[in-house]
Amino acid sequence: MKLMLTNRAYDILKWVCLVGLPAISVLVATLGQIWGWAGVDKIVLTINAVAVFLGALIGVSCAQYKKSHENGDE
């Protein structure tokens, strides 16, 4: 299976994984603790799991891109 992302999609997903989702996770954890929200741990774990999953997809796409360009396949 060949997983290729456009440069724009790669940049957006990379930003979401490296900045967006971790920031949302910390925000939810902090506000949940302050306001006593129920189930905050499950929400934070879910956000982090999504971030790791998307990061893995980005890593696979990046590795395939590098491999195809090293071999001269374009």
PDB file of N, CA and C in Angstrom:
ATOM      1  N   MET A   1       0.843  -1.185   0.000  1.00  0.00           N
ATOM      2  CA  MET A   1       0.000   0.000   0.000  1.00  0.00           C
ATOM      3  C   MET A   1       0.882   1.239   0.000  1.00  0.00           C
ATOM      4  N   LYS A   2       0.625   2.107  -0.913  1.00  0.00           N
ATOM      5  CA  LYS A   2       1.423   3.321  -1.036  1.00  0.00           C
ATOM      6  C   LYS A   2       0.648   4.471  -0.411  1.00  0.00           C
ATOM      7  N   LEU A   3       1.209   5.031   0.650  1.00  0.00           N
ATOM      8  CA  LEU A   3       0.573   6.140   1.357  1.00  0.00           C
ATOM      9  C   LEU A   3       1.355   7.399   1.058  1.00  0.00           C
ATOM     10  N   MET A   4       0.792   8.257   0.237  1.00  0.00           N
ATOM     11  CA  MET A   4       1.467   9.500  -0.118  1.00  0.00           C
ATOM     12  C   MET A   4       0.558  10.672   0.219  1.00  0.00           C
ATOM     13  N   LEU A   5       1.137  11.673   0.830  1.00  0.00           N
ATOM     14  CA  LEU A   5       0.406  12.881   1.183  1.00  0.00           C
ATOM     15  C   LEU A   5       0.935  14.037   0.343  1.00  0.00           C
ATOM     16  N   THR A   6       0.077  14.992   0.064  1.00  0.00           N
ATOM     17  CA  THR A   6       0.560  16.211  -0.567  1.00  0.00           C
ATOM     18  C   THR A   6       1.387  16.974   0.457  1.00  0.00           C
ATOM     19  N   ASN A   7       2.198  17.893  -0.013  1.00  0.00           N
ATOM     20  CA  ASN A   7       3.009  18.697   0.911  1.00  0.00           C
ATOM     21  C   ASN A   7       2.133  19.462   1.887  1.00  0.00           C
ATOM     22  N   ARG A   8       1.034  20.002   1.401  1.00  0.00           N
ATOM     23  CA  ARG A   8       0.122  20.766   2.264  1.00  0.00           C
ATOM     24  C   ARG A   8      -0.509  19.869   3.326  1.00  0.00           C
ATOM     25  N   ALA A   9      -0.968  18.694   2.922  1.00  0.00           N
ATOM     26  CA  ALA A   9      -1.572  17.755   3.882  1.00  0.00           C
ATOM     27  C   ALA A   9      -0.533  17.314   4.911  1.00  0.00           C
ATOM     28  N   TYR A  10       0.685  17.065   4.462  1.00  0.00           N
ATOM     29  CA  TYR A  10       1.764  16.674   5.370  1.00  0.00           C
ATOM     30  C   TYR A  10       2.031  17.785   6.386  1.00  0.00           C
ATOM     31  N   ASP A  11       2.140  19.016   5.910  1.00  0.00           N
ATOM     32  CA  ASP A  11       2.406  20.138   6.809  1.00  0.00           C
ATOM     33  C   ASP A  11       1.286  20.341   7.819  1.00  0.00           C
ATOM     34  N   ILE A  12       0.046  20.205   7.379  1.00  0.00           N
ATOM     35  CA  ILE A  12      -1.097  20.368   8.283  1.00  0.00           C
ATOM     36  C   ILE A  12      -1.114  19.262   9.333  1.00  0.00           C
ATOM     37  N   LEU A  13      -0.971  18.017   8.893  1.00  0.00           N
ATOM     38  CA  LEU A  13      -0.969  16.901   9.843  1.00  0.00           C
ATOM     39  C   LEU A  13       0.202  16.983  10.814  1.00  0.00           C
ATOM     40  N   LYS A  14       1.347  17.403  10.302  1.00  0.00           N
ATOM     41  CA  LYS A  14       2.514  17.544  11.173  1.00  0.00           C
ATOM     42  C   LYS A  14       2.247  18.595  12.246  1.00  0.00           C
ATOM     43  N   TRP A  15       1.676  19.728  11.879  1.00  0.00           N
ATOM     44  CA  TRP A  15       1.357  20.778  12.850  1.00  0.00           C
ATOM     45  C   TRP A  15       0.326  20.273  13.858  1.00  0.00           C
ATOM     46  N   VAL A  16      -0.698  19.591  13.364  1.00  0.00           N
ATOM     47  CA  VAL A  16      -1.727  19.050  14.254  1.00  0.00           C
ATOM     48  C   VAL A  16      -1.119  18.099  15.271  1.00  0.00           C
ATOM     49  N   CYS A  17      -0.223  17.221  14.817  1.00  0.00           N
ATOM     50  CA  CYS A  17       0.395  16.232  15.714  1.00  0.00           C
ATOM     51  C   CYS A  17       1.397  16.842  16.679  1.00  0.00           C
ATOM     52  N   LEU A  18       2.178  17.791  16.211  1.00  0.00           N
ATOM     53  CA  LEU A  18       3.238  18.341  17.043  1.00  0.00           C
ATOM     54  C   LEU A  18       2.801  19.498  17.935  1.00  0.00           C
ATOM     55  N   VAL A  19       1.764  20.229  17.519  1.00  0.00           N
ATOM     56  CA  VAL A  19       1.351  21.412  18.263  1.00  0.00           C
ATOM     57  C   VAL A  19      -0.110  21.326  18.706  1.00  0.00           C
ATOM     58  N   GLY A  20      -0.991  21.121  17.760  1.00  0.00           N
ATOM     59  CA  GLY A  20      -2.423  21.209  18.034  1.00  0.00           C
ATOM     60  C   GLY A  20      -2.946  20.218  19.052  1.00  0.00           C
ATOM     61  N   LEU A  21      -2.785  18.932  18.779  1.00  0.00           N
ATOM     62  CA  LEU A  21      -3.331  17.913  19.681  1.00  0.00           C
ATOM     63  C   LEU A  21      -2.682  17.914  21.061  1.00  0.00           C
ATOM     64  N   PRO A  22      -1.357  18.045  21.163  1.00  0.00           N
ATOM     65  CA  PRO A  22      -0.779  18.127  22.514  1.00  0.00           C
ATOM     66  C   PRO A  22      -1.282  19.344  23.301  1.00  0.00           C
ATOM     67  N   ALA A  23      -1.450  20.470  22.618  1.00  0.00           N
ATOM     68  CA  ALA A  23      -1.962  21.662  23.298  1.00  0.00           C
ATOM     69  C   ALA A  23      -3.400  21.454  23.775  1.00  0.00           C
ATOM     70  N   ILE A  24      -4.224  20.840  22.950  1.00  0.00           N
ATOM     71  CA  ILE A  24      -5.610  20.551  23.338  1.00  0.00           C
ATOM     72  C   ILE A  24      -5.636  19.570  24.502  1.00  0.00           C
ATOM     73  N   SER A  25      -4.763  18.582  24.462  1.00  0.00           N
ATOM     74  CA  SER A  25      -4.697  17.591  25.531  1.00  0.00           C
ATOM     75  C   SER A  25      -4.375  18.239  26.875  1.00  0.00           C
ATOM     76  N   VAL A  26      -3.374  19.116  26.886  1.00  0.00           N
ATOM     77  CA  VAL A  26      -3.006  19.808  28.125  1.00  0.00           C
ATOM     78  C   VAL A  26      -4.126  20.736  28.573  1.00  0.00           C
ATOM     79  N   LEU A  27      -4.757  21.420  27.641  1.00  0.00           N
ATOM     80  CA  LEU A  27      -5.866  22.311  27.981  1.00  0.00           C
ATOM     81  C   LEU A  27      -7.016  21.548  28.632  1.00  0.00           C
ATOM     82  N   VAL A  28      -7.403  20.426  28.020  1.00  0.00           N
ATOM     83  CA  VAL A  28      -8.496  19.620  28.569  1.00  0.00           C
ATOM     84  C   VAL A  28      -8.130  19.071  29.941  1.00  0.00           C
ATOM     85  N   ALA A  29      -6.895  18.586  30.091  1.00  0.00           N
ATOM     86  CA  ALA A  29      -6.459  18.044  31.380  1.00  0.00           C
ATOM     87  C   ALA A  29      -6.483  19.114  32.467  1.00  0.00           C
ATOM     88  N   THR A  30      -5.990  20.298  32.133  1.00  0.00           N
ATOM     89  CA  THR A  30      -5.936  21.382  33.110  1.00  0.00           C
ATOM     90  C   THR A  30      -7.325  21.893  33.468  1.00  0.00           C
ATOM     91  N   LEU A  31      -8.117  22.200  32.462  1.00  0.00           N
ATOM     92  CA  LEU A  31      -9.467  22.704  32.734  1.00  0.00           C
ATOM     93  C   LEU A  31     -10.330  21.651  33.411  1.00  0.00           C
ATOM     94  N   GLY A  32     -10.149  20.407  33.021  1.00  0.00           N
ATOM     95  CA  GLY A  32     -10.913  19.327  33.646  1.00  0.00           C
ATOM     96  C   GLY A  32     -10.618  19.198  35.123  1.00  0.00           C
ATOM     97  N   GLN A  33      -9.363  19.363  35.464  1.00  0.00           N
ATOM     98  CA  GLN A  33      -8.989  19.291  36.877  1.00  0.00           C
ATOM     99  C   GLN A  33      -9.515  20.504  37.641  1.00  0.00           C
ATOM    100  N   ILE A  34      -9.417  21.666  37.048  1.00  0.00           N
ATOM    101  CA  ILE A  34      -9.897  22.885  37.704  1.00  0.00           C
ATOM    102  C   ILE A  34     -11.404  22.826  37.934  1.00  0.00           C
ATOM    103  N   TRP A  35     -12.149  22.404  36.928  1.00  0.00           N
ATOM    104  CA  TRP A  35     -13.606  22.437  36.974  1.00  0.00           C
ATOM    105  C   TRP A  35     -14.235  21.109  37.410  1.00  0.00           C
ATOM    106  N   GLY A  36     -13.433  20.107  37.648  1.00  0.00           N
ATOM    107  CA  GLY A  36     -13.954  18.833  38.123  1.00  0.00           C
ATOM    108  C   GLY A  36     -14.760  18.061  37.099  1.00  0.00           C
ATOM    109  N   TRP A  37     -14.364  18.150  35.841  1.00  0.00           N
ATOM    110  CA  TRP A  37     -15.068  17.428  34.792  1.00  0.00           C
ATOM    111  C   TRP A  37     -14.884  15.925  34.958  1.00  0.00           C
ATOM    112  N   ALA A  38     -15.914  15.186  34.642  1.00  0.00           N
ATOM    113  CA  ALA A  38     -15.847  13.717  34.718  1.00  0.00           C
ATOM    114  C   ALA A  38     -15.230  13.159  33.432  1.00  0.00           C
ATOM    115  N   GLY A  39     -14.466  12.101  33.580  1.00  0.00           N
ATOM    116  CA  GLY A  39     -13.920  11.395  32.417  1.00  0.00           C
ATOM    117  C   GLY A  39     -12.783  12.103  31.709  1.00  0.00           C
ATOM    118  N   VAL A  40     -12.148  13.063  32.358  1.00  0.00           N
ATOM    119  CA  VAL A  40     -11.076  13.823  31.710  1.00  0.00           C
ATOM    120  C   VAL A  40      -9.915  12.915  31.315  1.00  0.00           C
ATOM    121  N   ASP A  41      -9.569  11.967  32.161  1.00  0.00           N
ATOM    122  CA  ASP A  41      -8.453  11.067  31.847  1.00  0.00           C
ATOM    123  C   ASP A  41      -8.702  10.312  30.539  1.00  0.00           C
ATOM    124  N   LYS A  42      -9.930   9.856  30.344  1.00  0.00           N
ATOM    125  CA  LYS A  42     -10.257   9.120  29.120  1.00  0.00           C
ATOM    126  C   LYS A  42     -10.190  10.032  27.903  1.00  0.00           C
ATOM    127  N   ILE A  43     -10.634  11.258  28.055  1.00  0.00           N
ATOM    128  CA  ILE A  43     -10.594  12.216  26.941  1.00  0.00           C
ATOM    129  C   ILE A  43      -9.147  12.531  26.565  1.00  0.00           C
ATOM    130  N   VAL A  44      -8.316  12.792  27.571  1.00  0.00           N
ATOM    131  CA  VAL A  44      -6.914  13.111  27.320  1.00  0.00           C
ATOM    132  C   VAL A  44      -6.192  11.928  26.678  1.00  0.00           C
ATOM    133  N   LEU A  45      -6.446  10.734  27.174  1.00  0.00           N
ATOM    134  CA  LEU A  45      -5.831   9.548  26.572  1.00  0.00           C
ATOM    135  C   LEU A  45      -6.278   9.361  25.121  1.00  0.00           C
ATOM    136  N   THR A  46      -7.533   9.646  24.833  1.00  0.00           N
ATOM    137  CA  THR A  46      -8.050   9.537  23.466  1.00  0.00           C
ATOM    138  C   THR A  46      -7.361  10.544  22.550  1.00  0.00           C
ATOM    139  N   ILE A  47      -7.232  11.778  23.003  1.00  0.00           N
ATOM    140  CA  ILE A  47      -6.560  12.808  22.206  1.00  0.00           C
ATOM    141  C   ILE A  47      -5.122  12.391  21.931  1.00  0.00           C
ATOM    142  N   ASN A  48      -4.437  11.903  22.954  1.00  0.00           N
ATOM    143  CA  ASN A  48      -3.048  11.483  22.777  1.00  0.00           C
ATOM    144  C   ASN A  48      -2.931  10.276  21.850  1.00  0.00           C
ATOM    145  N   ALA A  49      -3.881   9.352  21.927  1.00  0.00           N
ATOM    146  CA  ALA A  49      -3.866   8.187  21.034  1.00  0.00           C
ATOM    147  C   ALA A  49      -4.042   8.619  19.578  1.00  0.00           C
ATOM    148  N   VAL A  50      -4.924   9.562  19.332  1.00  0.00           N
ATOM    149  CA  VAL A  50      -5.128  10.086  17.971  1.00  0.00           C
ATOM    150  C   VAL A  50      -3.845  10.759  17.479  1.00  0.00           C
ATOM    151  N   ALA A  51      -3.191  11.522  18.350  1.00  0.00           N
ATOM    152  CA  ALA A  51      -1.946  12.200  17.976  1.00  0.00           C
ATOM    153  C   ALA A  51      -0.869  11.182  17.589  1.00  0.00           C
ATOM    154  N   VAL A  52      -0.740  10.126  18.361  1.00  0.00           N
ATOM    155  CA  VAL A  52       0.267   9.096  18.063  1.00  0.00           C
ATOM    156  C   VAL A  52      -0.073   8.378  16.763  1.00  0.00           C
ATOM    157  N   PHE A  53      -1.342   8.064  16.552  1.00  0.00           N
ATOM    158  CA  PHE A  53      -1.769   7.394  15.320  1.00  0.00           C
ATOM    159  C   PHE A  53      -1.462   8.255  14.098  1.00  0.00           C
ATOM    160  N   LEU A  54      -1.826   9.527  14.151  1.00  0.00           N
ATOM    161  CA  LEU A  54      -1.547  10.420  13.027  1.00  0.00           C
ATOM    162  C   LEU A  54      -0.039  10.587  12.821  1.00  0.00           C
ATOM    163  N   GLY A  55       0.701  10.649  13.912  1.00  0.00           N
ATOM    164  CA  GLY A  55       2.157  10.733  13.807  1.00  0.00           C
ATOM    165  C   GLY A  55       2.742   9.516  13.111  1.00  0.00           C
ATOM    166  N   ALA A  56       2.197   8.346  13.400  1.00  0.00           N
ATOM    167  CA  ALA A  56       2.657   7.123  12.740  1.00  0.00           C
ATOM    168  C   ALA A  56       2.362   7.169  11.242  1.00  0.00           C
ATOM    169  N   LEU A  57       1.182   7.648  10.867  1.00  0.00           N
ATOM    170  CA  LEU A  57       0.852   7.776   9.444  1.00  0.00           C
ATOM    171  C   LEU A  57       1.792   8.743   8.744  1.00  0.00           C
ATOM    172  N   ILE A  58       2.104   9.836   9.403  1.00  0.00           N
ATOM    173  CA  ILE A  58       3.033  10.809   8.831  1.00  0.00           C
ATOM    174  C   ILE A  58       4.417  10.183   8.666  1.00  0.00           C
ATOM    175  N   GLY A  59       4.845   9.434   9.675  1.00  0.00           N
ATOM    176  CA  GLY A  59       6.146   8.777   9.600  1.00  0.00           C
ATOM    177  C   GLY A  59       6.230   7.787   8.459  1.00  0.00           C
ATOM    178  N   VAL A  60       5.179   7.010   8.255  1.00  0.00           N
ATOM    179  CA  VAL A  60       5.149   6.046   7.150  1.00  0.00           C
ATOM    180  C   VAL A  60       5.200   6.779   5.817  1.00  0.00           C
ATOM    181  N   SER A  61       4.413   7.829   5.694  1.00  0.00           N
ATOM    182  CA  SER A  61       4.390   8.592   4.456  1.00  0.00           C
ATOM    183  C   SER A  61       5.747   9.215   4.177  1.00  0.00           C
ATOM    184  N   CYS A  62       6.373   9.757   5.196  1.00  0.00           N
ATOM    185  CA  CYS A  62       7.693  10.390   5.045  1.00  0.00           C
ATOM    186  C   CYS A  62       8.746   9.349   4.631  1.00  0.00           C
ATOM    187  N   ALA A  63       8.724   8.185   5.259  1.00  0.00           N
ATOM    188  CA  ALA A  63       9.684   7.129   4.928  1.00  0.00           C
ATOM    189  C   ALA A  63       9.501   6.659   3.492  1.00  0.00           C
ATOM    190  N   GLN A  64       8.251   6.498   3.053  1.00  0.00           N
ATOM    191  CA  GLN A  64       7.991   6.068   1.679  1.00  0.00           C
ATOM    192  C   GLN A  64       8.433   7.132   0.679  1.00  0.00           C
ATOM    193  N   TYR A  65       8.203   8.386   1.035  1.00  0.00           N
ATOM    194  CA  TYR A  65       8.616   9.484   0.163  1.00  0.00           C
ATOM    195  C   TYR A  65      10.129   9.492  -0.002  1.00  0.00           C
ATOM    196  N   LYS A  66      10.846   9.382   1.111  1.00  0.00           N
ATOM    197  CA  LYS A  66      12.309   9.386   1.060  1.00  0.00           C
ATOM    198  C   LYS A  66      12.833   8.187   0.282  1.00  0.00           C
ATOM    199  N   LYS A  67      12.230   7.021   0.503  1.00  0.00           N
ATOM    200  CA  LYS A  67      12.665   5.811  -0.186  1.00  0.00           C
ATOM    201  C   LYS A  67      12.446   5.939  -1.696  1.00  0.00           C
ATOM    202  N   SER A  68      11.304   6.472  -2.093  1.00  0.00           N
ATOM    203  CA  SER A  68      11.017   6.595  -3.525  1.00  0.00           C
ATOM    204  C   SER A  68      11.941   7.609  -4.191  1.00  0.00           C
ATOM    205  N   HIS A  69      12.338   8.643  -3.469  1.00  0.00           N
ATOM    206  CA  HIS A  69      13.220   9.651  -4.057  1.00  0.00           C
ATOM    207  C   HIS A  69      14.680   9.212  -4.046  1.00  0.00           C
ATOM    208  N   GLU A  70      15.059   8.340  -3.128  1.00  0.00           N
ATOM    209  CA  GLU A  70      16.416   7.784  -3.124  1.00  0.00           C
ATOM    210  C   GLU A  70      16.610   6.821  -4.279  1.00  0.00           C
ATOM    211  N   ASN A  71      15.531   6.114  -4.651  1.00  0.00           N
ATOM    212  CA  ASN A  71      15.589   5.136  -5.735  1.00  0.00           C
ATOM    213  C   ASN A  71      15.354   5.773  -7.103  1.00  0.00           C
ATOM    214  N   GLY A  72      15.034   7.041  -7.117  1.00  0.00           N
ATOM    215  CA  GLY A  72      14.772   7.724  -8.381  1.00  0.00           C
ATOM    216  C   GLY A  72      13.364   7.523  -8.899  1.00  0.00           C
ATOM    217  N   ASP A  73      12.484   6.924  -8.095  1.00  0.00           N
ATOM    218  CA  ASP A  73      11.085   6.741  -8.478  1.00  0.00           C
ATOM    219  C   ASP A  73      10.332   8.017  -8.142  1.00  0.00           C
ATOM    220  N   GLU A  74       9.661   8.585  -9.115  1.00  0.00           N
ATOM    221  CA  GLU A  74       8.869   9.779  -8.818  1.00  0.00           C
ATOM    222  C   GLU A  74       7.533   9.715  -9.455  1.00  0.00           C
TER     223      GLU A  74
END
